[in-house]
C-alpha atoms as a PDB file:
ATOM      1  CA  UNK A   1     -29.868 -26.097 -86.018  1.00  0.00           C
ATOM      2  CA  UNK A   2     -28.934 -22.512 -85.288  1.00  0.00           C
ATOM      3  CA  UNK A   3     -25.511 -21.312 -84.191  1.00  0.00           C
ATOM      4  CA  UNK A   4     -26.498 -20.850 -80.516  1.00  0.00           C
ATOM      5  CA  UNK A   5     -27.784 -24.418 -80.271  1.00  0.00           C
ATOM      6  CA  UNK A   6     -24.614 -25.682 -81.924  1.00  0.00           C
ATOM      7  CA  UNK A   7     -22.452 -23.880 -79.359  1.00  0.00           C
ATOM      8  CA  UNK A   8     -24.496 -25.291 -76.472  1.00  0.00           C
ATOM      9  CA  UNK A   9     -24.151 -28.807 -77.856  1.00  0.00           C
ATOM     10  CA  UNK A  10     -20.420 -28.334 -78.233  1.00  0.00           C
ATOM     11  CA  UNK A  11     -20.090 -27.082 -74.642  1.00  0.00           C
ATOM     12  CA  UNK A  12     -22.167 -29.967 -73.317  1.00  0.00           C
ATOM     13  CA  UNK A  13     -20.004 -32.459 -75.189  1.00  0.00           C
ATOM     14  CA  UNK A  14     -16.815 -30.798 -73.924  1.00  0.00           C
ATOM     15  CA  UNK A  15     -18.047 -30.853 -70.331  1.00  0.00           C
ATOM     16  CA  UNK A  16     -19.076 -34.513 -70.646  1.00  0.00           C
ATOM     17  CA  UNK A  17     -15.658 -35.378 -72.075  1.00  0.00           C
ATOM     18  CA  UNK A  18     -13.886 -33.450 -69.290  1.00  0.00           C
ATOM     19  CA  UNK A  19     -15.925 -35.103 -66.531  1.00  0.00           C
ATOM     20  CA  UNK A  20     -15.320 -38.514 -68.040  1.00  0.00           C
ATOM     21  CA  UNK A  21     -11.582 -37.823 -68.372  1.00  0.00           C
ATOM     22  CA  UNK A  22     -11.291 -36.636 -64.768  1.00  0.00           C
ATOM     23  CA  UNK A  23     -12.828 -39.897 -63.550  1.00  0.00           C
ATOM     24  CA  UNK A  24     -10.034 -41.917 -65.131  1.00  0.00           C
ATOM     25  CA  UNK A  25      -6.962 -42.940 -63.129  1.00  0.00           C
ATOM     26  CA  UNK A  26      -3.330 -42.738 -64.187  1.00  0.00           C
ATOM     27  CA  UNK A  27      -2.828 -39.004 -63.824  1.00  0.00           C
ATOM     28  CA  UNK A  28       0.343 -37.770 -62.112  1.00  0.00           C
ATOM     29  CA  UNK A  29       1.176 -34.333 -60.750  1.00  0.00           C
ATOM     30  CA  UNK A  30       3.245 -32.572 -58.102  1.00  0.00           C
ATOM     31  CA  UNK A  31       1.679 -30.543 -55.318  1.00  0.00           C
ATOM     32  CA  UNK A  32       2.982 -28.434 -52.447  1.00  0.00           C
ATOM     33  CA  UNK A  33       1.380 -29.648 -49.238  1.00  0.00           C
ATOM     34  CA  UNK A  34       1.546 -27.389 -46.143  1.00  0.00           C
ATOM     35  CA  UNK A  35       3.964 -28.449 -43.411  1.00  0.00           C
ATOM     36  CA  UNK A  36       4.247 -27.329 -39.794  1.00  0.00           C
ATOM     37  CA  UNK A  37       7.384 -28.251 -37.856  1.00  0.00           C
ATOM     38  CA  UNK A  38       6.892 -28.574 -34.106  1.00  0.00           C
ATOM     39  CA  UNK A  39       9.821 -28.150 -31.721  1.00  0.00           C
ATOM     40  CA  UNK A  40      10.625 -26.694 -28.306  1.00  0.00           C
ATOM     41  CA  UNK A  41      10.966 -23.020 -29.270  1.00  0.00           C
ATOM     42  CA  UNK A  42      11.812 -22.071 -25.679  1.00  0.00           C
ATOM     43  CA  UNK A  43      15.125 -23.951 -25.984  1.00  0.00           C
ATOM     44  CA  UNK A  44      15.955 -23.998 -29.688  1.00  0.00           C
ATOM     45  CA  UNK A  45      15.915 -21.628 -32.633  1.00  0.00           C
ATOM     46  CA  UNK A  46      16.200 -22.355 -36.378  1.00  0.00           C
ATOM     47  CA  UNK A  47      19.112 -20.407 -37.879  1.00  0.00           C
ATOM     48  CA  UNK A  48      17.903 -21.087 -41.423  1.00  0.00           C
ATOM     49  CA  UNK A  49      14.265 -20.832 -42.587  1.00  0.00           C
ATOM     50  CA  UNK A  50      12.170 -23.926 -41.938  1.00  0.00           C
ATOM     51  CA  UNK A  51      10.356 -25.543 -44.884  1.00  0.00           C
ATOM     52  CA  UNK A  52       6.669 -24.640 -44.885  1.00  0.00           C
ATOM     53  CA  UNK A  53       5.547 -27.006 -47.634  1.00  0.00           C
ATOM     54  CA  UNK A  54       6.337 -30.500 -48.915  1.00  0.00           C
ATOM     55  CA  UNK A  55       6.573 -31.053 -52.671  1.00  0.00           C
ATOM     56  CA  UNK A  56       5.140 -34.487 -53.403  1.00  0.00           C
ATOM     57  CA  UNK A  57       4.453 -36.453 -56.603  1.00  0.00           C
ATOM     58  CA  UNK A  58       0.975 -38.023 -56.651  1.00  0.00           C
ATOM     59  CA  UNK A  59      -0.908 -40.399 -58.937  1.00  0.00           C
ATOM     60  CA  UNK A  60      -4.677 -40.778 -58.899  1.00  0.00           C
ATOM     61  CA  UNK A  61      -7.832 -39.890 -60.798  1.00  0.00           C
ATOM     62  CA  UNK A  62      -8.106 -36.427 -62.239  1.00  0.00           C
ATOM     63  CA  UNK A  63     -10.755 -35.511 -59.693  1.00  0.00           C
ATOM     64  CA  UNK A  64      -8.622 -36.511 -56.727  1.00  0.00           C
ATOM     65  CA  UNK A  65      -5.565 -34.672 -58.022  1.00  0.00           C
ATOM     66  CA  UNK A  66      -7.657 -31.605 -58.758  1.00  0.00           C
ATOM     67  CA  UNK A  67      -9.013 -31.705 -55.212  1.00  0.00           C
ATOM     68  CA  UNK A  68      -5.540 -32.220 -53.702  1.00  0.00           C
ATOM     69  CA  UNK A  69      -4.059 -29.401 -55.770  1.00  0.00           C
ATOM     70  CA  UNK A  70      -6.714 -26.768 -55.150  1.00  0.00           C
ATOM     71  CA  UNK A  71      -8.055 -27.598 -51.699  1.00  0.00           C
ATOM     72  CA  UNK A  72      -8.125 -24.552 -49.446  1.00  0.00           C
ATOM     73  CA  UNK A  73      -7.757 -24.500 -45.660  1.00  0.00           C
ATOM     74  CA  UNK A  74      -6.234 -27.987 -45.537  1.00  0.00           C
ATOM     75  CA  UNK A  75      -4.673 -28.907 -42.222  1.00  0.00           C
ATOM     76  CA  UNK A  76      -0.869 -29.078 -42.501  1.00  0.00           C
ATOM     77  CA  UNK A  77       1.265 -32.133 -41.883  1.00  0.00           C
ATOM     78  CA  UNK A  78       2.559 -31.863 -38.310  1.00  0.00           C
ATOM     79  CA  UNK A  79       6.185 -32.960 -38.020  1.00  0.00           C
ATOM     80  CA  UNK A  80       7.607 -33.076 -34.494  1.00  0.00           C
ATOM     81  CA  UNK A  81      11.335 -32.764 -33.818  1.00  0.00           C
ATOM     82  CA  UNK A  82      12.370 -34.123 -30.422  1.00  0.00           C
ATOM     83  CA  UNK A  83      16.072 -33.225 -30.589  1.00  0.00           C
ATOM     84  CA  UNK A  84      16.596 -30.339 -33.045  1.00  0.00           C
ATOM     85  CA  UNK A  85      20.381 -30.203 -32.592  1.00  0.00           C
ATOM     86  CA  UNK A  86      20.798 -33.800 -33.780  1.00  0.00           C
ATOM     87  CA  UNK A  87      18.280 -33.862 -36.632  1.00  0.00           C
ATOM     88  CA  UNK A  88      19.862 -32.388 -39.748  1.00  0.00           C
ATOM     89  CA  UNK A  89      17.008 -33.079 -42.135  1.00  0.00           C
ATOM     90  CA  UNK A  90      13.406 -34.206 -42.343  1.00  0.00           C
ATOM     91  CA  UNK A  91      12.735 -37.938 -42.424  1.00  0.00           C
ATOM     92  CA  UNK A  92      10.981 -38.836 -45.692  1.00  0.00           C
ATOM     93  CA  UNK A  93       9.643 -42.111 -44.275  1.00  0.00           C
ATOM     94  CA  UNK A  94       7.873 -40.278 -41.464  1.00  0.00           C
ATOM     95  CA  UNK A  95       6.596 -37.630 -43.885  1.00  0.00           C
ATOM     96  CA  UNK A  96       5.261 -40.269 -46.269  1.00  0.00           C
ATOM     97  CA  UNK A  97       3.327 -41.968 -43.458  1.00  0.00           C
ATOM     98  CA  UNK A  98       1.821 -38.658 -42.395  1.00  0.00           C
ATOM     99  CA  UNK A  99       0.935 -37.722 -45.983  1.00  0.00           C
ATOM    100  CA  UNK A 100      -0.738 -41.097 -46.567  1.00  0.00           C
ATOM    101  CA  UNK A 101      -3.122 -40.276 -43.742  1.00  0.00           C
ATOM    102  CA  UNK A 102      -3.945 -36.944 -45.416  1.00  0.00           C
ATOM    103  CA  UNK A 103      -4.081 -38.024 -49.073  1.00  0.00           C
ATOM    104  CA  UNK A 104      -5.992 -41.286 -48.731  1.00  0.00           C
ATOM    105  CA  UNK A 105      -7.318 -41.346 -52.303  1.00  0.00           C
ATOM    106  CA  UNK A 106      -3.990 -40.737 -54.031  1.00  0.00           C
ATOM    107  CA  UNK A 107      -0.811 -42.753 -54.483  1.00  0.00           C
ATOM    108  CA  UNK A 108       2.376 -41.064 -53.273  1.00  0.00           C
ATOM    109  CA  UNK A 109       5.137 -41.695 -55.803  1.00  0.00           C
ATOM    110  CA  UNK A 110       7.925 -39.816 -54.070  1.00  0.00           C
ATOM    111  CA  UNK A 111       8.714 -36.712 -52.032  1.00  0.00           C
ATOM    112  CA  UNK A 112      11.040 -34.063 -53.438  1.00  0.00           C
ATOM    113  CA  UNK A 113      13.788 -33.618 -50.826  1.00  0.00           C
ATOM    114  CA  UNK A 114      15.653 -30.521 -52.008  1.00  0.00           C
ATOM    115  CA  UNK A 115      14.446 -28.310 -49.119  1.00  0.00           C
ATOM    116  CA  UNK A 116      14.612 -30.704 -46.171  1.00  0.00           C
ATOM    117  CA  UNK A 117      17.754 -29.419 -44.455  1.00  0.00           C
ATOM    118  CA  UNK A 118      17.360 -28.369 -40.816  1.00  0.00           C
ATOM    119  CA  UNK A 119      19.742 -26.148 -38.886  1.00  0.00           C
ATOM    120  CA  UNK A 120      18.885 -25.545 -35.244  1.00  0.00           C
ATOM    121  CA  UNK A 121      20.930 -24.049 -32.433  1.00  0.00           C
ATOM    122  CA  UNK A 122      20.256 -23.903 -28.732  1.00  0.00           C
ATOM    123  CA  UNK A 123      18.728 -20.625 -27.602  1.00  0.00           C
ATOM    124  CA  UNK A 124      20.697 -18.550 -25.077  1.00  0.00           C
ATOM    125  CA  UNK A 125      20.226 -15.236 -23.304  1.00  0.00           C
ATOM    126  CA  UNK A 126      22.906 -12.689 -22.508  1.00  0.00           C
ATOM    127  CA  UNK A 127      23.007  -9.619 -20.267  1.00  0.00           C
ATOM    128  CA  UNK A 128      24.405  -6.414 -21.762  1.00  0.00           C
ATOM    129  CA  UNK A 129      25.261  -3.554 -19.395  1.00  0.00           C
ATOM    130  CA  UNK A 130      24.521  -0.052 -20.698  1.00  0.00           C
ATOM    131  CA  UNK A 131      26.902   2.802 -19.984  1.00  0.00           C
ATOM    132  CA  UNK A 132      27.374   6.342 -21.247  1.00  0.00           C
ATOM    133  CA  UNK A 133      30.446   7.496 -23.097  1.00  0.00           C
ATOM    134  CA  UNK A 134      30.875  10.445 -20.694  1.00  0.00           C
ATOM    135  CA  UNK A 135      34.052  11.676 -22.386  1.00  0.00           C
ATOM    136  CA  UNK A 136      32.134  11.998 -25.639  1.00  0.00           C
ATOM    137  CA  UNK A 137      29.335  14.174 -24.172  1.00  0.00           C
ATOM    138  CA  UNK A 138      29.425  17.519 -26.000  1.00  0.00           C
ATOM    139  CA  UNK A 139      29.256  20.227 -23.294  1.00  0.00           C
ATOM    140  CA  UNK A 140      29.280  24.011 -23.585  1.00  0.00           C
ATOM    141  CA  UNK A 141      32.601  25.575 -22.702  1.00  0.00           C
ATOM    142  CA  UNK A 142      33.240  25.659 -18.924  1.00  0.00           C
ATOM    143  CA  UNK A 143      30.349  23.225 -18.269  1.00  0.00           C
ATOM    144  CA  UNK A 144      30.743  19.789 -16.696  1.00  0.00           C
ATOM    145  CA  UNK A 145      28.603  16.794 -15.759  1.00  0.00           C
ATOM    146  CA  UNK A 146      27.743  17.458 -12.114  1.00  0.00           C
ATOM    147  CA  UNK A 147      25.929  14.264 -11.073  1.00  0.00           C
ATOM    148  CA  UNK A 148      25.803  10.553 -11.550  1.00  0.00           C
ATOM    149  CA  UNK A 149      24.583   9.463 -14.963  1.00  0.00           C
ATOM    150  CA  UNK A 150      21.321   7.548 -14.588  1.00  0.00           C
ATOM    151  CA  UNK A 151      20.399   4.977 -17.241  1.00  0.00           C
ATOM    152  CA  UNK A 152      17.065   3.144 -17.293  1.00  0.00           C
ATOM    153  CA  UNK A 153      17.205   0.269 -17.965  1.00  0.00           C
ATOM    154  CA  UNK A 154      20.776  -0.120 -16.776  1.00  0.00           C
ATOM    155  CA  UNK A 155      21.042  -3.422 -18.610  1.00  0.00           C
ATOM    156  CA  UNK A 156      19.213  -5.253 -21.357  1.00  0.00           C
ATOM    157  CA  UNK A 157      18.736  -8.923 -22.214  1.00  0.00           C
ATOM    158  CA  UNK A 158      19.405 -10.270 -25.677  1.00  0.00           C
ATOM    159  CA  UNK A 159      18.220 -13.711 -26.732  1.00  0.00           C
ATOM    160  CA  UNK A 160      19.189 -15.855 -29.691  1.00  0.00           C
ATOM    161  CA  UNK A 161      21.495 -18.613 -30.972  1.00  0.00           C
ATOM    162  CA  UNK A 162      25.012 -18.764 -29.540  1.00  0.00           C
ATOM    163  CA  UNK A 163      26.608 -18.071 -32.930  1.00  0.00           C
ATOM    164  CA  UNK A 164      24.704 -14.779 -33.213  1.00  0.00           C
ATOM    165  CA  UNK A 165      25.276 -13.637 -29.615  1.00  0.00           C
ATOM    166  CA  UNK A 166      29.041 -13.610 -30.192  1.00  0.00           C
ATOM    167  CA  UNK A 167      28.607 -10.298 -32.020  1.00  0.00           C
ATOM    168  CA  UNK A 168      27.416  -8.562 -28.815  1.00  0.00           C
ATOM    169  CA  UNK A 169      29.808  -7.312 -26.129  1.00  0.00           C
ATOM    170  CA  UNK A 170      29.031  -7.528 -22.394  1.00  0.00           C
ATOM    171  CA  UNK A 171      29.022  -3.718 -22.167  1.00  0.00           C
ATOM    172  CA  UNK A 172      27.554  -1.274 -24.665  1.00  0.00           C
ATOM    173  CA  UNK A 173      28.322   2.457 -24.554  1.00  0.00           C
ATOM    174  CA  UNK A 174      25.561   4.880 -25.483  1.00  0.00           C
ATOM    175  CA  UNK A 175      26.286   8.255 -27.020  1.00  0.00           C
ATOM    176  CA  UNK A 176      24.415  11.400 -25.980  1.00  0.00           C
ATOM    177  CA  UNK A 177      23.334  13.075 -29.244  1.00  0.00           C
ATOM    178  CA  UNK A 178      22.887  16.600 -27.800  1.00  0.00           C
ATOM    179  CA  UNK A 179      25.440  19.277 -28.707  1.00  0.00           C
ATOM    180  CA  UNK A 180      26.855  22.130 -26.576  1.00  0.00           C
ATOM    181  CA  UNK A 181      24.958  21.065 -23.459  1.00  0.00           C
ATOM    182  CA  UNK A 182      24.550  23.791 -20.847  1.00  0.00           C
ATOM    183  CA  UNK A 183      21.429  22.432 -19.101  1.00  0.00           C
ATOM    184  CA  UNK A 184      20.501  19.215 -17.348  1.00  0.00           C
ATOM    185  CA  UNK A 185      19.873  16.284 -19.673  1.00  0.00           C
ATOM    186  CA  UNK A 186      16.876  13.932 -19.415  1.00  0.00           C
ATOM    187  CA  UNK A 187      15.856  12.130 -22.587  1.00  0.00           C
ATOM    188  CA  UNK A 188      15.514   8.798 -24.338  1.00  0.00           C
ATOM    189  CA  UNK A 189      18.436   7.499 -26.380  1.00  0.00           C
ATOM    190  CA  UNK A 190      18.320   4.746 -28.976  1.00  0.00           C
ATOM    191  CA  UNK A 191      20.339   1.599 -28.285  1.00  0.00           C
ATOM    192  CA  UNK A 192      21.952   0.967 -31.693  1.00  0.00           C
ATOM    193  CA  UNK A 193      22.932  -2.650 -31.198  1.00  0.00           C
ATOM    194  CA  UNK A 194      23.665  -4.719 -34.326  1.00  0.00           C
ATOM    195  CA  UNK A 195      20.442  -5.907 -35.966  1.00  0.00           C
ATOM    196  CA  UNK A 196      19.902  -9.615 -36.443  1.00  0.00           C
ATOM    197  CA  UNK A 197      16.531 -11.245 -37.247  1.00  0.00           C
ATOM    198  CA  UNK A 198      17.479 -14.203 -35.031  1.00  0.00           C
ATOM    199  CA  UNK A 199      18.152 -12.030 -31.966  1.00  0.00           C
ATOM    200  CA  UNK A 200      15.540 -10.514 -29.650  1.00  0.00           C
ATOM    201  CA  UNK A 201      16.505  -7.422 -27.655  1.00  0.00           C
ATOM    202  CA  UNK A 202      14.552  -6.526 -24.517  1.00  0.00           C
ATOM    203  CA  UNK A 203      14.678  -2.752 -25.123  1.00  0.00           C
ATOM    204  CA  UNK A 204      15.443  -0.439 -28.038  1.00  0.00           C
ATOM    205  CA  UNK A 205      15.729   2.786 -26.011  1.00  0.00           C
ATOM    206  CA  UNK A 206      17.104   3.864 -22.654  1.00  0.00           C
ATOM    207  CA  UNK A 207      16.260   6.930 -20.585  1.00  0.00           C
ATOM    208  CA  UNK A 208      19.400   8.868 -19.682  1.00  0.00           C
ATOM    209  CA  UNK A 209      19.567  11.739 -17.201  1.00  0.00           C
ATOM    210  CA  UNK A 210      22.316  13.767 -15.548  1.00  0.00           C
ATOM    211  CA  UNK A 211      22.928  17.262 -14.244  1.00  0.00           C
ATOM    212  CA  UNK A 212      25.139  19.847 -15.882  1.00  0.00           C
ATOM    213  CA  UNK A 213      26.809  22.754 -14.058  1.00  0.00           C
ATOM    214  CA  UNK A 214      29.074  25.635 -14.989  1.00  0.00           C
ATOM    215  CA  UNK A 215      32.544  25.806 -13.505  1.00  0.00           C
ATOM    216  CA  UNK A 216      32.980  28.889 -11.371  1.00  0.00           C
ATOM    217  CA  UNK A 217      36.002  31.042 -12.116  1.00  0.00           C
END
């Protein structure tokens, strides 16, 4: 028997042993199963990240565990929350029932519950009026603002949890960045409101225009 034949026999034996081993039951492993939490996002907002997977301990044959561990494009467990403000964590009993329907060929030993905390707040909207800090406009000597200051939009809407909206005042003053103005102003100005990933702001810029005139001696 040459060396090549010996290697092929060894590989065939190894594959046979592996296939036979995978058919046996009694294997245990942990997998991360995808999770999708369903809630009324028009009324509530999570103020901490929602769990996207469930870590679960399974027992089954090697084949089943291999399939459960490396299956692609599996449909996630759908977990519906009816009253987000009152539910502080995921219900493991409900999750187990839903997982049993997904993992029919495996035994669920337990679900790891270290990432099941939920923290929702009711979503609110707030109107913020935009104004110009006219005293802070840098004009050329002997020049003044000679018209009304137009701001478009005159107000913006911010949306987010009540705890985050407390950081925003009802009125926000914009600053004109131009220096030594001696001509009419018509330009877009950034609205530098505090940034918060939980807060949506209806506009990031405002168009500001006004006329400038020289005082006659």
